[in-house]
């Protein structure tokens, strides 16, 4: 009996897919998420739980090292594919499944690094092997070495320590969990998300209901024994000498701005210092397109664009941001529903088809006392502070904390819903882009990224992911072809 072949066939039949999205890959990510739901292929939360790595977006040379470390953190059997455009996603996934089920490919992949044989590149991207790659350090929520791009904090519990239920067809495994699929379920309005799996080996969380856990942050830190970063002593804000831990978040964290790397210096669970890495820039032959602001870019260039098209894209962007925040906060079932509504809006579904579902989603999320309790008082951005940083849009109008910002998204979605078919021409000076008034000289996401260091310094590590998710800056705005052309003048 060929036991190895049987195991490979079973693995390839329903692989766990880890999405690594680079700037310019938002449209590819959305296409991949839709297809994975249709195929009932679960998304992996960390490299250690993944069988298939799907790189989504153009090839950015500055991120190749981080991708190689991500690949090295995946256990065999494994396969790697690359989809540069949405049209390549289906073929890339099929190619990855074939590679995953091939005993010959897996034997080569499992060979020691010195015996690896160059690259194996398929028509649509395929499994790759490299000689001499070092094993990158990684961190799961329990302090282990789970890799470069875990879904850190994507399934954290409510005040009673329980988790939200999974939605059918989506495996959003907890960073702390044991990877078991939770049963389907509904979370009553105003009640705690529950029914999810346990916390695994370490269920400890911060003061905000356990939205910590920052596995696989990436960012190219120095390799240390056992795959863990070494702490160093330093004086904290109270004058005590405590260990300081350098911890990068990004660039391939799940439910995280693509390509963004934020480096934290921690003492205990308190963030003492924050540095944001410069974003990876595309080469001349790898143009990056900013997906969420396409209507505004086209209108600014003189192309006719309707208000209905713009507000549809804006509402879909808010649903995408909301889904990522809900995943980080530990409500994966509602995160999946937000993603499905996002996809329906992007596919041109009429208002009558989406309005009842949008109303249910906004009511359930907006009235959830537990979600408000988890996010209250975190990352306060007053309207004045936003204006001083040059930020507008939902972050400025919310004039408050994480709770105020996600409720502002909900209010904006409800406001945009009646205008999905508005045929009036888009005026970029009147209609904000998803993250604020659009300007190629000063993209709104630049101000949101600038807000991160002062917001995160002094905060607990458990709150850092929620703060970033509630602002959800889009690095594509800063490196897209249209913006770079304006900057070059």
Protein backbone atom coordinates (compact mmCIF):
# COMPACT_ATOMS: atom_id res chain seq x y z
CA UNK A 1 0.00 0.00 0.00
CA UNK A 2 1.41 3.42 -1.01
CA UNK A 3 0.77 5.24 2.26
CA UNK A 4 2.76 8.32 1.23
CA UNK A 5 0.82 8.67 -1.98
CA UNK A 6 -2.46 8.30 -0.10
CA UNK A 7 -1.51 11.03 2.36
CA UNK A 8 -0.51 13.35 -0.47
CA UNK A 9 -3.75 12.73 -2.33
CA UNK A 10 -5.79 13.49 0.79
CA UNK A 11 -3.78 16.66 1.45
CA UNK A 12 -4.09 17.83 -2.15
CA UNK A 13 -7.83 17.17 -2.15
CA UNK A 14 -8.53 20.04 0.26
CA UNK A 15 -5.33 21.99 0.94
CA UNK A 16 -5.00 24.67 3.58
CA UNK A 17 -4.05 27.82 1.68
CA UNK A 18 -1.93 30.62 3.10
CA UNK A 19 -2.47 33.90 1.24
CA UNK A 20 0.51 36.24 1.08
CA UNK A 21 -0.66 39.51 -0.48
CA UNK A 22 1.84 42.04 -1.75
CA UNK A 23 1.00 45.70 -2.52
CA UNK A 24 -0.90 45.68 -5.78
CA UNK A 25 -2.44 42.30 -5.02
CA UNK A 26 -5.77 43.38 -3.52
CA UNK A 27 -7.78 42.32 -6.59
CA UNK A 28 -5.92 38.99 -6.65
CA UNK A 29 -6.60 38.45 -2.94
CA UNK A 30 -10.31 39.12 -3.42
CA UNK A 31 -10.47 36.68 -6.35
CA UNK A 32 -8.61 34.05 -4.32
CA UNK A 33 -10.90 34.44 -1.31
CA UNK A 34 -13.97 34.03 -3.52
CA UNK A 35 -12.58 30.92 -5.20
CA UNK A 36 -11.41 29.35 -1.93
CA UNK A 37 -14.92 29.75 -0.50
CA UNK A 38 -16.43 28.24 -3.64
CA UNK A 39 -14.07 25.25 -3.45
CA UNK A 40 -14.40 24.93 0.32
CA UNK A 41 -10.64 25.15 0.71
CA UNK A 42 -9.76 26.53 4.15
CA UNK A 43 -7.41 29.46 4.59
CA UNK A 44 -4.50 28.68 6.87
CA UNK A 45 -3.82 30.94 9.82
CA UNK A 46 -0.05 30.43 9.95
CA UNK A 47 2.68 28.87 7.79
CA UNK A 48 2.84 25.90 10.19
CA UNK A 49 -0.79 25.07 9.36
CA UNK A 50 -0.51 25.64 5.60
CA UNK A 51 -0.08 23.20 2.73
CA UNK A 52 -0.20 25.67 -0.15
CA UNK A 53 1.32 29.17 -0.27
CA UNK A 54 -0.40 31.51 -2.73
CA UNK A 55 1.46 34.75 -3.39
CA UNK A 56 -1.04 37.33 -4.61
CA UNK A 57 0.07 40.31 -6.66
CA UNK A 58 3.04 41.56 -8.65
CA UNK A 59 6.62 40.51 -8.02
CA UNK A 60 8.23 43.07 -5.69
CA UNK A 61 11.97 42.36 -5.32
CA UNK A 62 12.17 43.96 -1.87
CA UNK A 63 9.70 41.41 -0.47
CA UNK A 64 11.34 38.28 -1.90
CA UNK A 65 13.41 37.62 1.22
CA UNK A 66 10.33 37.80 3.46
CA UNK A 67 8.47 35.44 1.11
CA UNK A 68 11.35 32.97 1.18
CA UNK A 69 11.29 32.94 4.98
CA UNK A 70 7.56 32.41 4.88
CA UNK A 71 8.06 29.48 2.51
CA UNK A 72 10.79 27.97 4.69
CA UNK A 73 8.43 28.01 7.71
CA UNK A 74 5.93 25.73 5.97
CA UNK A 75 6.25 22.02 6.75
CA UNK A 76 6.17 19.31 4.11
CA UNK A 77 4.12 18.43 2.18
CA UNK A 78 3.93 21.89 0.73
CA UNK A 79 3.61 23.78 -2.53
CA UNK A 80 4.02 27.38 -3.62
CA UNK A 81 2.27 29.25 -6.42
CA UNK A 82 2.08 32.84 -7.59
CA UNK A 83 -0.90 34.63 -9.15
CA UNK A 84 -0.03 38.07 -10.45
CA UNK A 85 -3.53 38.90 -11.75
CA UNK A 86 -7.03 37.77 -10.78
CA UNK A 87 -7.29 35.75 -13.99
CA UNK A 88 -4.35 33.59 -12.90
CA UNK A 89 -5.80 32.55 -9.53
CA UNK A 90 -7.72 29.46 -10.65
CA UNK A 91 -4.84 28.06 -12.70
CA UNK A 92 -2.38 28.79 -9.89
CA UNK A 93 -4.50 26.92 -7.34
CA UNK A 94 -4.88 23.96 -9.71
CA UNK A 95 -1.12 23.95 -10.28
CA UNK A 96 -0.48 24.07 -6.55
CA UNK A 97 -2.79 21.14 -5.91
CA UNK A 98 -0.99 19.11 -8.56
CA UNK A 99 2.39 19.91 -7.03
CA UNK A 100 1.11 19.10 -3.57
CA UNK A 101 -0.07 15.67 -4.68
CA UNK A 102 3.11 14.74 -6.57
CA UNK A 103 5.39 12.36 -4.61
CA UNK A 104 8.38 13.33 -6.75
CA UNK A 105 7.93 17.05 -6.08
CA UNK A 106 7.44 16.47 -2.37
CA UNK A 107 10.55 14.28 -2.11
CA UNK A 108 12.55 17.08 -3.67
CA UNK A 109 10.95 19.65 -1.37
CA UNK A 110 11.76 17.58 1.70
CA UNK A 111 15.44 17.23 0.75
CA UNK A 112 18.00 19.05 2.96
CA UNK A 113 18.70 22.62 1.79
CA UNK A 114 22.08 21.70 0.35
CA UNK A 115 20.44 19.08 -1.84
CA UNK A 116 17.58 21.24 -3.14
CA UNK A 117 17.51 21.53 -6.90
CA UNK A 118 17.15 25.14 -7.96
CA UNK A 119 13.64 26.25 -8.84
CA UNK A 120 10.63 24.49 -10.23
CA UNK A 121 8.52 27.13 -11.92
CA UNK A 122 5.18 26.32 -13.53
CA UNK A 123 3.29 28.26 -16.11
CA UNK A 124 1.26 30.08 -13.47
CA UNK A 125 3.78 29.97 -10.67
CA UNK A 126 4.63 26.81 -8.78
CA UNK A 127 6.58 25.31 -5.96
CA UNK A 128 10.04 26.82 -5.53
CA UNK A 129 13.12 25.58 -3.69
CA UNK A 130 16.22 27.60 -2.91
CA UNK A 131 19.66 26.62 -1.81
CA UNK A 132 21.06 27.89 1.46
CA UNK A 133 17.95 29.64 2.77
CA UNK A 134 18.11 30.21 6.51
CA UNK A 135 15.21 29.24 8.69
CA UNK A 136 13.52 32.46 9.67
CA UNK A 137 12.42 33.08 13.22
CA UNK A 138 8.69 33.26 13.69
CA UNK A 139 6.31 33.69 16.55
CA UNK A 140 2.91 32.35 17.28
CA UNK A 141 0.66 33.68 19.96
CA UNK A 142 2.21 31.30 22.48
CA UNK A 143 5.78 32.38 21.83
CA UNK A 144 6.55 29.49 19.46
CA UNK A 145 8.01 29.67 15.99
CA UNK A 146 5.00 29.46 13.70
CA UNK A 147 6.40 31.56 10.91
CA UNK A 148 6.39 34.79 9.05
CA UNK A 149 2.77 35.56 8.34
CA UNK A 150 0.39 34.06 10.84
CA UNK A 151 -3.19 35.20 11.22
CA UNK A 152 -2.19 36.83 14.47
CA UNK A 153 -5.11 37.72 16.65
CA UNK A 154 -7.71 36.59 14.14
CA UNK A 155 -9.76 34.46 16.49
CA UNK A 156 -9.63 35.95 19.94
CA UNK A 157 -12.26 35.56 22.50
CA UNK A 158 -14.80 37.62 24.36
CA UNK A 159 -14.77 38.39 28.05
CA UNK A 160 -15.57 34.81 28.97
CA UNK A 161 -12.57 33.53 27.04
CA UNK A 162 -14.65 31.82 24.35
CA UNK A 163 -14.43 32.31 20.61
CA UNK A 164 -16.84 33.17 17.86
CA UNK A 165 -18.19 30.44 15.60
CA UNK A 166 -16.74 29.69 12.19
CA UNK A 167 -18.83 30.19 9.12
CA UNK A 168 -19.26 27.28 6.74
CA UNK A 169 -16.54 26.96 4.16
CA UNK A 170 -14.01 29.14 5.96
CA UNK A 171 -11.32 27.84 8.29
CA UNK A 172 -10.10 30.87 10.20
CA UNK A 173 -8.01 28.93 12.68
CA UNK A 174 -7.03 30.71 15.86
CA UNK A 175 -3.39 31.52 16.32
CA UNK A 176 -3.62 29.87 19.75
CA UNK A 177 -5.96 27.09 18.70
CA UNK A 178 -5.49 23.50 17.72
CA UNK A 179 -6.84 23.93 14.20
CA UNK A 180 -10.18 22.19 14.77
CA UNK A 181 -13.18 23.48 12.84
CA UNK A 182 -15.83 24.94 15.08
CA UNK A 183 -19.50 24.28 14.31
CA UNK A 184 -21.65 26.79 12.51
CA UNK A 185 -23.65 29.10 14.67
CA UNK A 186 -25.24 32.46 15.12
CA UNK A 187 -24.28 35.14 17.58
CA UNK A 188 -27.32 36.98 18.96
CA UNK A 189 -27.22 40.74 18.69
CA UNK A 190 -25.58 42.33 21.70
CA UNK A 191 -24.15 39.07 22.99
CA UNK A 192 -20.64 37.68 23.11
CA UNK A 193 -19.27 35.85 20.08
CA UNK A 194 -18.80 32.30 21.30
CA UNK A 195 -18.62 28.70 20.24
CA UNK A 196 -15.08 28.81 18.85
CA UNK A 197 -12.28 26.44 19.82
CA UNK A 198 -10.01 26.70 22.80
CA UNK A 199 -6.89 28.82 23.10
CA UNK A 200 -4.47 25.94 22.68
CA UNK A 201 -1.48 25.81 24.96
CA UNK A 202 -1.69 29.32 26.28
CA UNK A 203 -4.98 31.11 26.72
CA UNK A 204 -3.57 34.25 28.34
CA UNK A 205 -4.65 37.56 26.86
CA UNK A 206 -4.45 41.26 27.47
CA UNK A 207 -6.93 43.38 29.35
CA UNK A 208 -9.22 43.72 26.35
CA UNK A 209 -10.64 40.26 26.19
CA UNK A 210 -7.76 38.52 24.52
CA UNK A 211 -7.25 40.06 21.15
CA UNK A 212 -3.51 39.50 21.43
CA UNK A 213 -1.43 36.93 19.68
CA UNK A 214 0.96 38.10 17.05
CA UNK A 215 2.29 35.07 15.33
CA UNK A 216 4.46 35.12 12.30
CA UNK A 217 5.02 38.79 11.97
CA UNK A 218 7.77 38.80 9.37
CA UNK A 219 10.01 41.73 8.81
CA UNK A 220 13.47 40.21 8.63
CA UNK A 221 14.63 40.29 12.25
CA UNK A 222 17.88 38.62 13.30
CA UNK A 223 17.79 34.84 13.57
CA UNK A 224 18.10 33.61 17.14
CA UNK A 225 18.47 30.16 18.73
CA UNK A 226 15.20 28.25 18.71
CA UNK A 227 13.59 30.71 16.29
CA UNK A 228 12.87 33.30 19.00
CA UNK A 229 14.06 36.92 19.26
CA UNK A 230 16.35 37.64 22.20
CA UNK A 231 15.31 40.22 24.78
CA UNK A 232 17.63 42.91 26.09
CA UNK A 233 17.39 44.94 29.32
CA UNK A 234 16.31 48.56 29.31
CA UNK A 235 14.64 51.15 31.52
CA UNK A 236 10.87 51.38 31.18
CA UNK A 237 8.71 54.48 31.63
CA UNK A 238 8.54 53.87 35.40
CA UNK A 239 12.32 53.77 35.74
CA UNK A 240 12.46 49.99 36.20
CA UNK A 241 14.88 47.83 34.26
CA UNK A 242 12.92 45.29 32.25
CA UNK A 243 13.64 43.13 29.26
CA UNK A 244 12.92 44.74 25.91
CA UNK A 245 11.74 42.59 23.04
CA UNK A 246 11.95 43.71 19.42
CA UNK A 247 8.91 42.43 17.56
CA UNK A 248 8.02 43.14 13.92
CA UNK A 249 4.43 42.96 12.68
CA UNK A 250 4.15 42.32 8.93
CA UNK A 251 4.67 42.36 6.04
CA UNK A 252 2.55 39.24 5.47
CA UNK A 253 0.31 39.05 8.50
CA UNK A 254 -3.21 37.90 7.68
CA UNK A 255 -5.92 40.58 7.99
CA UNK A 256 -3.14 43.16 7.83
CA UNK A 257 -2.28 45.94 5.35
CA UNK A 258 -0.35 44.25 2.55
CA UNK A 259 3.36 44.95 2.67
CA UNK A 260 3.28 47.10 5.81
CA UNK A 261 5.90 46.34 8.48
CA UNK A 262 5.60 47.90 11.94
CA UNK A 263 8.46 47.25 14.36
CA UNK A 264 7.65 47.31 18.05
CA UNK A 265 9.87 47.47 21.10
CA UNK A 266 8.05 45.81 24.00
CA UNK A 267 8.62 45.78 27.73
CA UNK A 268 6.29 43.23 29.20
CA UNK A 269 3.14 43.61 27.12
CA UNK A 270 3.48 47.39 26.69
CA UNK A 271 4.68 48.96 23.44
CA UNK A 272 7.55 51.35 24.19
CA UNK A 273 8.61 52.34 20.69
CA UNK A 274 7.18 52.00 17.17
CA UNK A 275 8.94 52.30 13.83
CA UNK A 276 7.29 51.86 10.45
CA UNK A 277 9.45 50.48 7.63
CA UNK A 278 9.49 52.18 4.27
CA UNK A 279 7.11 50.44 1.91
CA UNK A 280 8.46 48.16 -0.79
CA UNK A 281 8.47 49.95 -4.12
CA UNK A 282 7.73 48.22 -7.41
CA UNK A 283 10.29 47.99 -10.16
CA UNK A 284 9.54 49.59 -13.49
CA UNK A 285 8.22 46.31 -14.91
CA UNK A 286 5.97 45.54 -11.92
CA UNK A 287 3.39 48.31 -11.91
CA UNK A 288 1.15 48.39 -8.82
CA UNK A 289 -2.49 49.37 -9.21
CA UNK A 290 -4.41 50.72 -6.22
CA UNK A 291 -7.62 48.69 -6.38
CA UNK A 292 -9.85 50.50 -3.89
CA UNK A 293 -9.31 54.00 -5.32
CA UNK A 294 -9.54 53.09 -9.01
CA UNK A 295 -12.73 55.15 -9.61
CA UNK A 296 -11.04 58.24 -8.15
CA UNK A 297 -7.83 57.68 -10.14
CA UNK A 298 -9.80 57.28 -13.35
CA UNK A 299 -11.99 60.32 -12.66
CA UNK A 300 -8.92 62.42 -11.85
CA UNK A 301 -7.43 61.44 -15.21
CA UNK A 302 -10.56 62.68 -17.01
CA UNK A 303 -12.31 59.36 -17.56
CA UNK A 304 -16.09 59.45 -16.97
CA UNK A 305 -17.00 57.66 -13.73
CA UNK A 306 -20.41 57.62 -12.08
CA UNK A 307 -21.14 58.31 -8.43
CA UNK A 308 -22.80 54.90 -8.22
CA UNK A 309 -19.59 53.12 -9.24
CA UNK A 310 -17.54 55.11 -6.73
CA UNK A 311 -19.84 54.63 -3.73
CA UNK A 312 -20.19 50.93 -4.56
CA UNK A 313 -16.40 50.58 -4.43
CA UNK A 314 -16.28 52.64 -1.23
CA UNK A 315 -18.94 50.54 0.52
CA UNK A 316 -17.14 47.36 -0.56
CA UNK A 317 -13.88 48.77 0.83
CA UNK A 318 -15.54 49.49 4.18
CA UNK A 319 -16.91 45.93 4.27
CA UNK A 320 -13.42 44.59 3.53
CA UNK A 321 -11.96 46.66 6.36
CA UNK A 322 -14.80 45.64 8.67
CA UNK A 323 -14.27 41.97 7.89
CA UNK A 324 -10.57 42.21 8.74
CA UNK A 325 -11.34 43.97 12.02
CA UNK A 326 -13.94 41.35 12.93
CA UNK A 327 -11.46 38.57 12.17
CA UNK A 328 -8.84 40.20 14.39
CA UNK A 329 -11.40 40.76 17.16
CA UNK A 330 -12.49 37.12 17.05
CA UNK A 331 -15.81 37.11 15.19
CA UNK A 332 -14.97 35.08 12.06
CA UNK A 333 -18.58 34.21 11.14
CA UNK A 334 -19.50 37.87 10.73
CA UNK A 335 -16.16 38.52 9.03
CA UNK A 336 -17.07 35.96 6.36
CA UNK A 337 -20.53 37.51 5.92
CA UNK A 338 -18.92 40.92 5.45
CA UNK A 339 -16.63 39.42 2.83
CA UNK A 340 -19.50 37.86 0.92
CA UNK A 341 -21.41 41.15 0.87
CA UNK A 342 -18.24 42.90 -0.28
CA UNK A 343 -17.94 40.46 -3.18
CA UNK A 344 -21.59 40.91 -4.12
CA UNK A 345 -21.18 44.69 -4.28
CA UNK A 346 -18.05 44.37 -6.40
CA UNK A 347 -19.83 42.01 -8.79
CA UNK A 348 -22.54 44.62 -9.39
CA UNK A 349 -25.39 43.11 -7.36
CA UNK A 350 -28.43 45.42 -7.32
CA UNK A 351 -29.35 47.28 -4.17
CA UNK A 352 -32.48 45.18 -3.59
CA UNK A 353 -30.38 42.01 -3.48
CA UNK A 354 -27.92 43.21 -0.85
CA UNK A 355 -29.92 45.71 1.24
CA UNK A 356 -31.60 43.20 3.63
CA UNK A 357 -28.32 41.37 4.31
CA UNK A 358 -26.42 44.60 4.78
CA UNK A 359 -29.04 45.80 7.23
CA UNK A 360 -28.75 42.58 9.27
CA UNK A 361 -24.95 42.79 9.31
CA UNK A 362 -24.80 46.45 10.33
CA UNK A 363 -27.44 45.88 13.03
CA UNK A 364 -25.71 42.83 14.52
CA UNK A 365 -22.23 44.34 14.50
CA UNK A 366 -23.29 47.84 15.49
CA UNK A 367 -25.34 46.61 18.45
CA UNK A 368 -22.86 44.04 19.74
CA UNK A 369 -22.07 45.00 23.32
CA UNK A 370 -19.21 42.52 23.48
CA UNK A 371 -17.44 43.90 20.40
CA UNK A 372 -17.84 47.41 21.79
CA UNK A 373 -16.46 46.25 25.14
CA UNK A 374 -13.45 44.67 23.45
CA UNK A 375 -12.59 47.83 21.50
CA UNK A 376 -13.68 50.67 23.76
CA UNK A 377 -11.00 53.19 24.70
CA UNK A 378 -8.38 51.74 22.34
CA UNK A 379 -6.52 53.91 19.83
CA UNK A 380 -8.39 57.17 20.37
CA UNK A 381 -8.08 59.57 17.41
CA UNK A 382 -9.85 62.86 17.99
CA UNK A 383 -11.04 64.90 15.03
CA UNK A 384 -8.40 67.51 15.86
CA UNK A 385 -5.62 64.93 16.01
CA UNK A 386 -6.76 63.52 12.67
CA UNK A 387 -6.75 66.97 11.06
CA UNK A 388 -3.27 67.71 12.42
CA UNK A 389 -2.01 64.46 10.86
CA UNK A 390 -3.74 65.27 7.57
CA UNK A 391 -6.21 62.40 7.92
CA UNK A 392 -9.82 62.67 6.80
CA UNK A 393 -12.60 60.27 5.96
CA UNK A 394 -14.00 57.79 8.49
CA UNK A 395 -11.05 58.09 10.89
CA UNK A 396 -11.62 61.83 11.29
CA UNK A 397 -15.42 61.72 11.30
CA UNK A 398 -15.45 58.98 13.94
CA UNK A 399 -13.68 61.29 16.41
CA UNK A 400 -12.95 58.51 18.86
CA UNK A 401 -11.67 54.99 19.49
CA UNK A 402 -11.75 51.68 17.61
CA UNK A 403 -15.45 51.29 18.46
CA UNK A 404 -16.26 54.69 16.98
CA UNK A 405 -14.33 53.91 13.79
CA UNK A 406 -16.03 50.62 12.95
CA UNK A 407 -19.42 52.19 13.72
CA UNK A 408 -18.50 55.00 11.34
CA UNK A 409 -17.86 52.39 8.62
CA UNK A 410 -21.33 50.98 9.27
CA UNK A 411 -22.91 54.44 9.08
CA UNK A 412 -21.09 55.18 5.81
CA UNK A 413 -22.25 51.87 4.30
CA UNK A 414 -25.85 52.65 5.18
CA UNK A 415 -25.46 56.13 3.69
CA UNK A 416 -24.03 54.78 0.42
CA UNK A 417 -26.55 51.98 -0.05
CA UNK A 418 -29.32 54.10 -1.69
CA UNK A 419 -26.81 55.56 -4.16
CA UNK A 420 -25.42 52.38 -5.71
CA UNK A 421 -27.07 53.17 -9.06
CA UNK A 422 -26.54 56.96 -9.04
CA UNK A 423 -25.65 57.93 -12.66
CA UNK A 424 -24.28 61.39 -11.81
CA UNK A 425 -20.63 62.01 -12.74
CA UNK A 426 -18.12 61.56 -9.93
CA UNK A 427 -16.54 64.72 -8.53
CA UNK A 428 -13.39 63.68 -6.63
CA UNK A 429 -13.52 66.92 -4.65
CA UNK A 430 -16.96 66.04 -3.29
CA UNK A 431 -16.92 62.27 -2.83
CA UNK A 432 -14.24 60.88 -0.50
CA UNK A 433 -12.30 57.78 -1.40
CA UNK A 434 -12.66 54.92 1.13
CA UNK A 435 -9.98 56.30 3.46
CA UNK A 436 -10.52 60.02 2.96
CA UNK A 437 -10.45 62.86 0.41
CA UNK A 438 -8.42 61.66 -2.55
CA UNK A 439 -5.19 63.37 -3.52
CA UNK A 440 -2.42 61.72 -5.49
CA UNK A 441 0.07 64.15 -3.93
CA UNK A 442 -1.03 63.16 -0.40
CA UNK A 443 -2.86 59.80 -0.43
CA UNK A 444 -5.11 59.44 2.63
CA UNK A 445 -3.41 56.22 3.72
CA UNK A 446 -0.13 58.11 4.21
CA UNK A 447 -1.73 60.07 7.05
CA UNK A 448 -3.25 56.90 8.54
CA UNK A 449 0.18 55.22 8.59
CA UNK A 450 1.68 58.34 10.19
CA UNK A 451 -0.90 58.05 13.00
CA UNK A 452 0.24 54.55 13.97
CA UNK A 453 3.40 55.28 16.04
CA UNK A 454 1.80 57.74 18.49
CA UNK A 455 -1.30 55.56 18.77
CA UNK A 456 0.60 52.34 19.47
CA UNK A 457 3.26 53.71 21.81
CA UNK A 458 2.16 53.07 25.38
CA UNK A 459 -0.56 50.65 24.29
CA UNK A 460 -0.71 47.01 25.25
CA UNK A 461 0.36 44.51 22.64
CA UNK A 462 -3.12 42.96 22.79
CA UNK A 463 -4.59 46.18 21.42
CA UNK A 464 -2.07 46.86 18.65
CA UNK A 465 -3.72 44.66 16.01
CA UNK A 466 -7.13 46.19 16.68
CA UNK A 467 -5.79 49.72 16.31
CA UNK A 468 -4.18 48.93 12.95
CA UNK A 469 -7.27 47.06 11.74
CA UNK A 470 -9.55 49.97 12.68
CA UNK A 471 -7.48 52.41 10.60
CA UNK A 472 -6.70 49.86 7.86
CA UNK A 473 -4.36 52.00 5.75
CA UNK A 474 -3.91 50.84 2.17
CA UNK A 475 -0.21 50.75 1.15
CA UNK A 476 -1.27 50.36 -2.47
CA UNK A 477 -2.30 54.03 -2.45
CA UNK A 478 1.30 55.04 -1.79
CA UNK A 479 3.03 52.83 -4.35
CA UNK A 480 0.50 52.62 -7.17
CA UNK A 481 1.50 53.57 -10.70
CA UNK A 482 -0.83 56.58 -10.85
CA UNK A 483 0.45 58.05 -7.58
CA UNK A 484 4.11 57.46 -8.46
CA UNK A 485 3.63 59.19 -11.81
CA UNK A 486 2.13 62.23 -10.07
CA UNK A 487 4.96 62.26 -7.52
CA UNK A 488 7.57 62.18 -10.29
CA UNK A 489 5.74 65.12 -11.81
